[in-house]
């Protein structure tokens, strides 16, 4: 059909027509194809003097393979909607929109890992946008980087400890805030309005940080037990909510 994919036989007819000295218009008429289809086909595959039907067919199939979006768990609209919903939840916790989309894309692909190029292709965004989002996720320890020796590029990985590392990073930030606030209270004077305010902030973050560490320890113990027994329900009561973030 006009505008559809060219078959191997049609490509051979194009090669034969070029060898006969036919114009692109004449070849298009012979095949019943739009002139633009013939012009693009020849230009992409060596030009009038270098066009070879078999090579053009192989190269076109390879380009089509490379242009497919990075695979998700299942190639369905339901998965796309799920990815969008996941990203929206992550945005509500404080992540930027692009960072949330990258995180969702990694979580919902079967492999749990993608390269920057695969992420850019999957999300249809620029490599620079991916790089910035990756930096934010690495800073929060929600993903890790590993080298792919076969392709000589980095892969970004989601693993079972991702949320645990992110949770612990938030706990450390709470500890830093607590220490800062208490130090500030001493400098300003614990009886001054600003000093009292900072003292209360320090107490709050110390309490929250301690509770987060306890929750993380409980989760880790339950996770280890689950791995040993294969019981996926073992962490249901102690698993800290993934979306919970630093206040």
C-alpha atoms as a PDB file:
ATOM      1  CA  UNK A   1       0.000   0.000   0.000  1.00  0.00           C
ATOM      2  CA  UNK A   2       1.223   3.552  -0.702  1.00  0.00           C
ATOM      3  CA  UNK A   3       3.154   4.841   2.302  1.00  0.00           C
ATOM      4  CA  UNK A   4       3.511   1.381   3.874  1.00  0.00           C
ATOM      5  CA  UNK A   5       6.738  -0.481   4.430  1.00  0.00           C
ATOM      6  CA  UNK A   6       8.649  -1.494   1.339  1.00  0.00           C
ATOM      7  CA  UNK A   7       9.084  -5.218   0.770  1.00  0.00           C
ATOM      8  CA  UNK A   8      12.320  -6.870  -0.237  1.00  0.00           C
ATOM      9  CA  UNK A   9      10.864  -7.419  -3.738  1.00  0.00           C
ATOM     10  CA  UNK A  10      10.006  -3.733  -4.072  1.00  0.00           C
ATOM     11  CA  UNK A  11      13.515  -2.769  -3.039  1.00  0.00           C
ATOM     12  CA  UNK A  12      14.871  -5.053  -5.725  1.00  0.00           C
ATOM     13  CA  UNK A  13      12.598  -3.308  -8.231  1.00  0.00           C
ATOM     14  CA  UNK A  14      14.010   0.042  -7.083  1.00  0.00           C
ATOM     15  CA  UNK A  15      17.564  -1.249  -7.594  1.00  0.00           C
ATOM     16  CA  UNK A  16      16.640  -2.573 -11.044  1.00  0.00           C
ATOM     17  CA  UNK A  17      15.028   0.733 -11.965  1.00  0.00           C
ATOM     18  CA  UNK A  18      18.082   2.710 -10.899  1.00  0.00           C
ATOM     19  CA  UNK A  19      20.293   0.354 -12.923  1.00  0.00           C
ATOM     20  CA  UNK A  20      18.082   0.994 -15.958  1.00  0.00           C
ATOM     21  CA  UNK A  21      18.512   4.741 -15.480  1.00  0.00           C
ATOM     22  CA  UNK A  22      14.894   5.405 -14.496  1.00  0.00           C
ATOM     23  CA  UNK A  23      14.056   8.537 -12.526  1.00  0.00           C
ATOM     24  CA  UNK A  24      12.567   8.364  -9.046  1.00  0.00           C
ATOM     25  CA  UNK A  25       9.242   9.418 -10.517  1.00  0.00           C
ATOM     26  CA  UNK A  26       9.279   6.559 -13.026  1.00  0.00           C
ATOM     27  CA  UNK A  27      10.199   4.042 -10.330  1.00  0.00           C
ATOM     28  CA  UNK A  28       7.443   5.354  -8.072  1.00  0.00           C
ATOM     29  CA  UNK A  29       4.924   4.971 -10.900  1.00  0.00           C
ATOM     30  CA  UNK A  30       6.097   1.443 -11.629  1.00  0.00           C
ATOM     31  CA  UNK A  31       5.696   0.407  -7.976  1.00  0.00           C
ATOM     32  CA  UNK A  32       2.525   2.397  -7.335  1.00  0.00           C
ATOM     33  CA  UNK A  33       4.289   4.195  -4.485  1.00  0.00           C
ATOM     34  CA  UNK A  34       4.477   7.891  -3.560  1.00  0.00           C
ATOM     35  CA  UNK A  35       7.486   9.697  -5.008  1.00  0.00           C
ATOM     36  CA  UNK A  36       8.526  10.744  -1.479  1.00  0.00           C
ATOM     37  CA  UNK A  37       8.762   7.079  -0.412  1.00  0.00           C
ATOM     38  CA  UNK A  38      11.182   6.270  -3.250  1.00  0.00           C
ATOM     39  CA  UNK A  39      13.227   9.431  -2.741  1.00  0.00           C
ATOM     40  CA  UNK A  40      13.683   8.796   1.009  1.00  0.00           C
ATOM     41  CA  UNK A  41      14.445   5.110   0.449  1.00  0.00           C
ATOM     42  CA  UNK A  42      17.224   5.792  -2.019  1.00  0.00           C
ATOM     43  CA  UNK A  43      18.679   8.727  -0.054  1.00  0.00           C
ATOM     44  CA  UNK A  44      18.853   6.701   3.175  1.00  0.00           C
ATOM     45  CA  UNK A  45      20.532   3.717   1.555  1.00  0.00           C
ATOM     46  CA  UNK A  46      23.515   4.823  -0.466  1.00  0.00           C
ATOM     47  CA  UNK A  47      21.985   7.148  -3.049  1.00  0.00           C
ATOM     48  CA  UNK A  48      21.343   6.358  -6.751  1.00  0.00           C
ATOM     49  CA  UNK A  49      24.879   5.053  -7.316  1.00  0.00           C
ATOM     50  CA  UNK A  50      25.220   2.988  -4.154  1.00  0.00           C
ATOM     51  CA  UNK A  51      21.743   1.577  -3.601  1.00  0.00           C
ATOM     52  CA  UNK A  52      21.652  -2.199  -3.024  1.00  0.00           C
ATOM     53  CA  UNK A  53      18.336  -3.897  -2.369  1.00  0.00           C
ATOM     54  CA  UNK A  54      19.441  -6.560   0.136  1.00  0.00           C
ATOM     55  CA  UNK A  55      21.623  -4.166   2.129  1.00  0.00           C
ATOM     56  CA  UNK A  56      18.880  -1.554   2.166  1.00  0.00           C
ATOM     57  CA  UNK A  57      16.398  -4.119   3.486  1.00  0.00           C
ATOM     58  CA  UNK A  58      18.761  -5.244   6.279  1.00  0.00           C
ATOM     59  CA  UNK A  59      19.643  -1.684   7.265  1.00  0.00           C
ATOM     60  CA  UNK A  60      15.997  -0.622   7.384  1.00  0.00           C
ATOM     61  CA  UNK A  61      15.091  -3.544   9.628  1.00  0.00           C
ATOM     62  CA  UNK A  62      17.997  -2.700  11.920  1.00  0.00           C
ATOM     63  CA  UNK A  63      16.947   0.952  12.132  1.00  0.00           C
ATOM     64  CA  UNK A  64      13.407  -0.139  12.979  1.00  0.00           C
ATOM     65  CA  UNK A  65      14.719  -2.425  15.715  1.00  0.00           C
ATOM     66  CA  UNK A  66      16.822   0.342  17.267  1.00  0.00           C
ATOM     67  CA  UNK A  67      13.928   2.808  17.177  1.00  0.00           C
ATOM     68  CA  UNK A  68      11.580   0.656  19.221  1.00  0.00           C
ATOM     69  CA  UNK A  69      10.900   2.024  22.711  1.00  0.00           C
ATOM     70  CA  UNK A  70      12.818   0.357  25.531  1.00  0.00           C
ATOM     71  CA  UNK A  71      10.731  -2.612  26.683  1.00  0.00           C
ATOM     72  CA  UNK A  72       8.512  -2.319  29.740  1.00  0.00           C
ATOM     73  CA  UNK A  73       7.057  -5.223  31.646  1.00  0.00           C
ATOM     74  CA  UNK A  74       4.276  -5.501  29.078  1.00  0.00           C
ATOM     75  CA  UNK A  75       3.710  -3.418  25.985  1.00  0.00           C
ATOM     76  CA  UNK A  76       0.176  -2.328  26.801  1.00  0.00           C
ATOM     77  CA  UNK A  77      -1.805   0.831  27.465  1.00  0.00           C
ATOM     78  CA  UNK A  78      -2.394  -0.390  31.011  1.00  0.00           C
ATOM     79  CA  UNK A  79       1.346  -0.338  31.681  1.00  0.00           C
ATOM     80  CA  UNK A  80       1.661   3.153  30.191  1.00  0.00           C
ATOM     81  CA  UNK A  81      -1.135   4.369  32.454  1.00  0.00           C
ATOM     82  CA  UNK A  82       0.493   2.666  35.414  1.00  0.00           C
ATOM     83  CA  UNK A  83       3.790   4.379  34.636  1.00  0.00           C
ATOM     84  CA  UNK A  84       2.082   7.762  34.461  1.00  0.00           C
ATOM     85  CA  UNK A  85       0.300   7.153  37.768  1.00  0.00           C
ATOM     86  CA  UNK A  86       3.545   6.091  39.450  1.00  0.00           C
ATOM     87  CA  UNK A  87       5.306   9.215  38.164  1.00  0.00           C
ATOM     88  CA  UNK A  88       2.478  11.437  39.415  1.00  0.00           C
ATOM     89  CA  UNK A  89       2.765   9.939  42.907  1.00  0.00           C
ATOM     90  CA  UNK A  90       6.516  10.530  42.909  1.00  0.00           C
ATOM     91  CA  UNK A  91       5.978  14.146  41.844  1.00  0.00           C
ATOM     92  CA  UNK A  92       3.675  14.607  44.825  1.00  0.00           C
ATOM     93  CA  UNK A  93       6.496  13.463  47.134  1.00  0.00           C
ATOM     94  CA  UNK A  94       8.824  16.179  45.852  1.00  0.00           C
ATOM     95  CA  UNK A  95      10.573  14.727  42.809  1.00  0.00           C
ATOM     96  CA  UNK A  96      10.675  16.796  39.640  1.00  0.00           C
ATOM     97  CA  UNK A  97       8.451  15.598  36.821  1.00  0.00           C
ATOM     98  CA  UNK A  98      11.320  14.285  34.680  1.00  0.00           C
ATOM     99  CA  UNK A  99      13.040  12.571  37.605  1.00  0.00           C
ATOM    100  CA  UNK A 100       9.772  10.877  38.529  1.00  0.00           C
ATOM    101  CA  UNK A 101       9.287   9.670  34.948  1.00  0.00           C
ATOM    102  CA  UNK A 102      12.795   8.204  34.854  1.00  0.00           C
ATOM    103  CA  UNK A 103      12.242   6.421  38.167  1.00  0.00           C
ATOM    104  CA  UNK A 104       8.896   5.026  36.998  1.00  0.00           C
ATOM    105  CA  UNK A 105      10.405   3.894  33.698  1.00  0.00           C
ATOM    106  CA  UNK A 106      13.144   1.999  35.500  1.00  0.00           C
ATOM    107  CA  UNK A 107      10.779   0.383  37.965  1.00  0.00           C
ATOM    108  CA  UNK A 108       8.336  -0.882  35.363  1.00  0.00           C
ATOM    109  CA  UNK A 109      10.787  -2.374  32.900  1.00  0.00           C
ATOM    110  CA  UNK A 110      11.349  -6.104  33.337  1.00  0.00           C
ATOM    111  CA  UNK A 111      15.135  -5.828  33.463  1.00  0.00           C
ATOM    112  CA  UNK A 112      15.113  -3.145  36.168  1.00  0.00           C
ATOM    113  CA  UNK A 113      17.950  -1.408  34.330  1.00  0.00           C
ATOM    114  CA  UNK A 114      18.290   0.860  31.306  1.00  0.00           C
ATOM    115  CA  UNK A 115      21.001   2.976  29.724  1.00  0.00           C
ATOM    116  CA  UNK A 116      20.633   6.737  29.414  1.00  0.00           C
ATOM    117  CA  UNK A 117      20.038   6.332  25.679  1.00  0.00           C
ATOM    118  CA  UNK A 118      17.297   3.757  26.277  1.00  0.00           C
ATOM    119  CA  UNK A 119      15.632   6.033  28.834  1.00  0.00           C
ATOM    120  CA  UNK A 120      15.770   9.003  26.460  1.00  0.00           C
ATOM    121  CA  UNK A 121      14.220   6.896  23.700  1.00  0.00           C
ATOM    122  CA  UNK A 122      11.574   5.397  25.959  1.00  0.00           C
ATOM    123  CA  UNK A 123      10.502   8.773  27.377  1.00  0.00           C
ATOM    124  CA  UNK A 124      11.056  10.664  24.099  1.00  0.00           C
ATOM    125  CA  UNK A 125      13.175  13.362  25.767  1.00  0.00           C
ATOM    126  CA  UNK A 126      16.683  14.755  25.336  1.00  0.00           C
ATOM    127  CA  UNK A 127      19.770  13.049  26.806  1.00  0.00           C
ATOM    128  CA  UNK A 128      20.418  16.197  28.853  1.00  0.00           C
ATOM    129  CA  UNK A 129      17.049  15.784  30.603  1.00  0.00           C
ATOM    130  CA  UNK A 130      17.884  12.179  31.439  1.00  0.00           C
ATOM    131  CA  UNK A 131      21.315  13.136  32.780  1.00  0.00           C
ATOM    132  CA  UNK A 132      19.849  15.695  35.181  1.00  0.00           C
ATOM    133  CA  UNK A 133      17.204  13.262  36.439  1.00  0.00           C
ATOM    134  CA  UNK A 134      19.775  10.496  36.897  1.00  0.00           C
ATOM    135  CA  UNK A 135      21.908  12.860  38.976  1.00  0.00           C
ATOM    136  CA  UNK A 136      19.002  13.575  41.315  1.00  0.00           C
ATOM    137  CA  UNK A 137      18.134   9.901  41.721  1.00  0.00           C
ATOM    138  CA  UNK A 138      21.752   8.951  42.396  1.00  0.00           C
ATOM    139  CA  UNK A 139      22.047  11.722  44.970  1.00  0.00           C
ATOM    140  CA  UNK A 140      19.043  10.298  46.811  1.00  0.00           C
ATOM    141  CA  UNK A 141      20.448   6.767  46.373  1.00  0.00           C
ATOM    142  CA  UNK A 142      17.265   5.547  44.686  1.00  0.00           C
ATOM    143  CA  UNK A 143      19.211   4.005  41.815  1.00  0.00           C
ATOM    144  CA  UNK A 144      22.733   2.715  41.296  1.00  0.00           C
ATOM    145  CA  UNK A 145      25.052   2.798  38.326  1.00  0.00           C
ATOM    146  CA  UNK A 146      26.872  -0.181  36.851  1.00  0.00           C
ATOM    147  CA  UNK A 147      29.103  -0.527  33.808  1.00  0.00           C
ATOM    148  CA  UNK A 148      27.954  -2.635  30.874  1.00  0.00           C
ATOM    149  CA  UNK A 149      31.257  -4.044  29.525  1.00  0.00           C
ATOM    150  CA  UNK A 150      29.680  -5.314  26.313  1.00  0.00           C
ATOM    151  CA  UNK A 151      28.299  -1.944  25.273  1.00  0.00           C
ATOM    152  CA  UNK A 152      30.856   0.245  27.068  1.00  0.00           C
ATOM    153  CA  UNK A 153      28.237   2.404  28.676  1.00  0.00           C
ATOM    154  CA  UNK A 154      26.604   2.820  32.071  1.00  0.00           C
ATOM    155  CA  UNK A 155      23.354   1.185  33.036  1.00  0.00           C
ATOM    156  CA  UNK A 156      21.097   2.582  35.751  1.00  0.00           C
ATOM    157  CA  UNK A 157      19.679  -0.055  38.015  1.00  0.00           C
ATOM    158  CA  UNK A 158      16.755  -0.451  40.398  1.00  0.00           C
ATOM    159  CA  UNK A 159      17.306  -3.230  42.898  1.00  0.00           C
ATOM    160  CA  UNK A 160      15.686  -4.611  46.043  1.00  0.00           C
ATOM    161  CA  UNK A 161      17.649  -2.236  48.296  1.00  0.00           C
ATOM    162  CA  UNK A 162      16.796   0.946  46.383  1.00  0.00           C
ATOM    163  CA  UNK A 163      14.133   2.229  48.759  1.00  0.00           C
ATOM    164  CA  UNK A 164      16.120   1.108  51.787  1.00  0.00           C
ATOM    165  CA  UNK A 165      19.090   3.195  50.630  1.00  0.00           C
ATOM    166  CA  UNK A 166      16.851   6.161  49.871  1.00  0.00           C
ATOM    167  CA  UNK A 167      15.169   5.836  53.260  1.00  0.00           C
ATOM    168  CA  UNK A 168      18.540   5.741  55.032  1.00  0.00           C
ATOM    169  CA  UNK A 169      19.714   8.772  53.060  1.00  0.00           C
ATOM    170  CA  UNK A 170      16.648  10.683  54.276  1.00  0.00           C
ATOM    171  CA  UNK A 171      17.347   9.542  57.843  1.00  0.00           C
ATOM    172  CA  UNK A 172      20.885  10.910  57.571  1.00  0.00           C
ATOM    173  CA  UNK A 173      19.545  14.215  56.272  1.00  0.00           C
ATOM    174  CA  UNK A 174      17.176  14.394  59.239  1.00  0.00           C
ATOM    175  CA  UNK A 175      20.132  13.842  61.580  1.00  0.00           C
ATOM    176  CA  UNK A 176      22.037  16.678  59.911  1.00  0.00           C
ATOM    177  CA  UNK A 177      19.026  18.982  60.267  1.00  0.00           C
ATOM    178  CA  UNK A 178      18.650  18.031  63.926  1.00  0.00           C
ATOM    179  CA  UNK A 179      22.300  18.753  64.680  1.00  0.00           C
ATOM    180  CA  UNK A 180      22.155  22.056  62.813  1.00  0.00           C
ATOM    181  CA  UNK A 181      18.987  23.186  64.580  1.00  0.00           C
ATOM    182  CA  UNK A 182      20.357  22.356  68.047  1.00  0.00           C
ATOM    183  CA  UNK A 183      23.612  24.108  67.313  1.00  0.00           C
ATOM    184  CA  UNK A 184      21.678  27.142  66.095  1.00  0.00           C
ATOM    185  CA  UNK A 185      19.563  27.142  69.250  1.00  0.00           C
ATOM    186  CA  UNK A 186      22.693  27.276  71.401  1.00  0.00           C
ATOM    187  CA  UNK A 187      24.139  30.151  69.372  1.00  0.00           C
ATOM    188  CA  UNK A 188      20.912  32.164  69.448  1.00  0.00           C
ATOM    189  CA  UNK A 189      20.120  31.277  73.031  1.00  0.00           C
ATOM    190  CA  UNK A 190      17.689  28.580  74.064  1.00  0.00           C
ATOM    191  CA  UNK A 191      15.382  31.120  75.732  1.00  0.00           C
ATOM    192  CA  UNK A 192      15.121  33.431  72.705  1.00  0.00           C
ATOM    193  CA  UNK A 193      12.133  33.005  70.348  1.00  0.00           C
ATOM    194  CA  UNK A 194      14.403  31.953  67.456  1.00  0.00           C
ATOM    195  CA  UNK A 195      16.398  29.648  69.752  1.00  0.00           C
ATOM    196  CA  UNK A 196      13.243  27.964  71.038  1.00  0.00           C
ATOM    197  CA  UNK A 197      12.038  27.518  67.473  1.00  0.00           C
ATOM    198  CA  UNK A 198      15.291  25.875  66.392  1.00  0.00           C
ATOM    199  CA  UNK A 199      15.360  23.688  69.511  1.00  0.00           C
ATOM    200  CA  UNK A 200      11.876  22.394  68.700  1.00  0.00           C
ATOM    201  CA  UNK A 201      12.898  21.733  65.099  1.00  0.00           C
ATOM    202  CA  UNK A 202      15.950  19.830  66.314  1.00  0.00           C
ATOM    203  CA  UNK A 203      13.834  17.705  68.657  1.00  0.00           C
ATOM    204  CA  UNK A 204      11.386  16.961  65.858  1.00  0.00           C
ATOM    205  CA  UNK A 205      14.007  15.804  63.359  1.00  0.00           C
ATOM    206  CA  UNK A 206      15.823  13.760  65.985  1.00  0.00           C
ATOM    207  CA  UNK A 207      12.565  11.957  66.811  1.00  0.00           C
ATOM    208  CA  UNK A 208      11.657  11.402  63.142  1.00  0.00           C
ATOM    209  CA  UNK A 209      15.166  10.259  62.260  1.00  0.00           C
ATOM    210  CA  UNK A 210      15.210   7.768  65.124  1.00  0.00           C
ATOM    211  CA  UNK A 211      11.808   6.390  64.076  1.00  0.00           C
ATOM    212  CA  UNK A 212      12.989   6.054  60.468  1.00  0.00           C
ATOM    213  CA  UNK A 213      16.079   4.092  61.529  1.00  0.00           C
ATOM    214  CA  UNK A 214      13.931   1.760  63.627  1.00  0.00           C
ATOM    215  CA  UNK A 215      11.528   1.213  60.730  1.00  0.00           C
ATOM    216  CA  UNK A 216      14.448   0.516  58.374  1.00  0.00           C
ATOM    217  CA  UNK A 217      15.939  -2.042  60.753  1.00  0.00           C
ATOM    218  CA  UNK A 218      12.561  -3.789  61.091  1.00  0.00           C
ATOM    219  CA  UNK A 219      12.122  -3.854  57.337  1.00  0.00           C
ATOM    220  CA  UNK A 220      15.617  -5.231  56.781  1.00  0.00           C
ATOM    221  CA  UNK A 221      15.066  -8.036  59.287  1.00  0.00           C
ATOM    222  CA  UNK A 222      11.712  -8.923  57.730  1.00  0.00           C
ATOM    223  CA  UNK A 223      13.186  -8.754  54.220  1.00  0.00           C
ATOM    224  CA  UNK A 224      15.983 -11.143  55.144  1.00  0.00           C
ATOM    225  CA  UNK A 225      13.412 -13.505  56.638  1.00  0.00           C
ATOM    226  CA  UNK A 226      11.305 -13.299  53.500  1.00  0.00           C
ATOM    227  CA  UNK A 227      14.284 -14.081  51.294  1.00  0.00           C
ATOM    228  CA  UNK A 228      15.070 -17.097  53.447  1.00  0.00           C
ATOM    229  CA  UNK A 229      11.518 -18.490  53.445  1.00  0.00           C
ATOM    230  CA  UNK A 230      10.177 -17.170  50.136  1.00  0.00           C
ATOM    231  CA  UNK A 231       7.236 -15.595  51.988  1.00  0.00           C
ATOM    232  CA  UNK A 232       6.457 -12.302  50.240  1.00  0.00           C
ATOM    233  CA  UNK A 233       3.982 -11.257  52.962  1.00  0.00           C
ATOM    234  CA  UNK A 234       6.653 -11.241  55.671  1.00  0.00           C
ATOM    235  CA  UNK A 235       7.420  -7.522  55.300  1.00  0.00           C
ATOM    236  CA  UNK A 236       3.866  -6.282  54.889  1.00  0.00           C
ATOM    237  CA  UNK A 237       3.575  -4.944  58.439  1.00  0.00           C
ATOM    238  CA  UNK A 238       7.031  -3.409  58.747  1.00  0.00           C
ATOM    239  CA  UNK A 239       7.820  -2.153  55.253  1.00  0.00           C
ATOM    240  CA  UNK A 240       8.184   1.662  55.338  1.00  0.00           C
ATOM    241  CA  UNK A 241       6.003   3.280  52.703  1.00  0.00           C
ATOM    242  CA  UNK A 242       8.077   3.908  49.539  1.00  0.00           C
ATOM    243  CA  UNK A 243       6.557   7.343  48.943  1.00  0.00           C
ATOM    244  CA  UNK A 244       7.402   8.597  52.443  1.00  0.00           C
ATOM    245  CA  UNK A 245      10.058  11.282  52.230  1.00  0.00           C
ATOM    246  CA  UNK A 246      11.782  13.770  54.428  1.00  0.00           C
ATOM    247  CA  UNK A 247       9.288  16.276  55.902  1.00  0.00           C
END
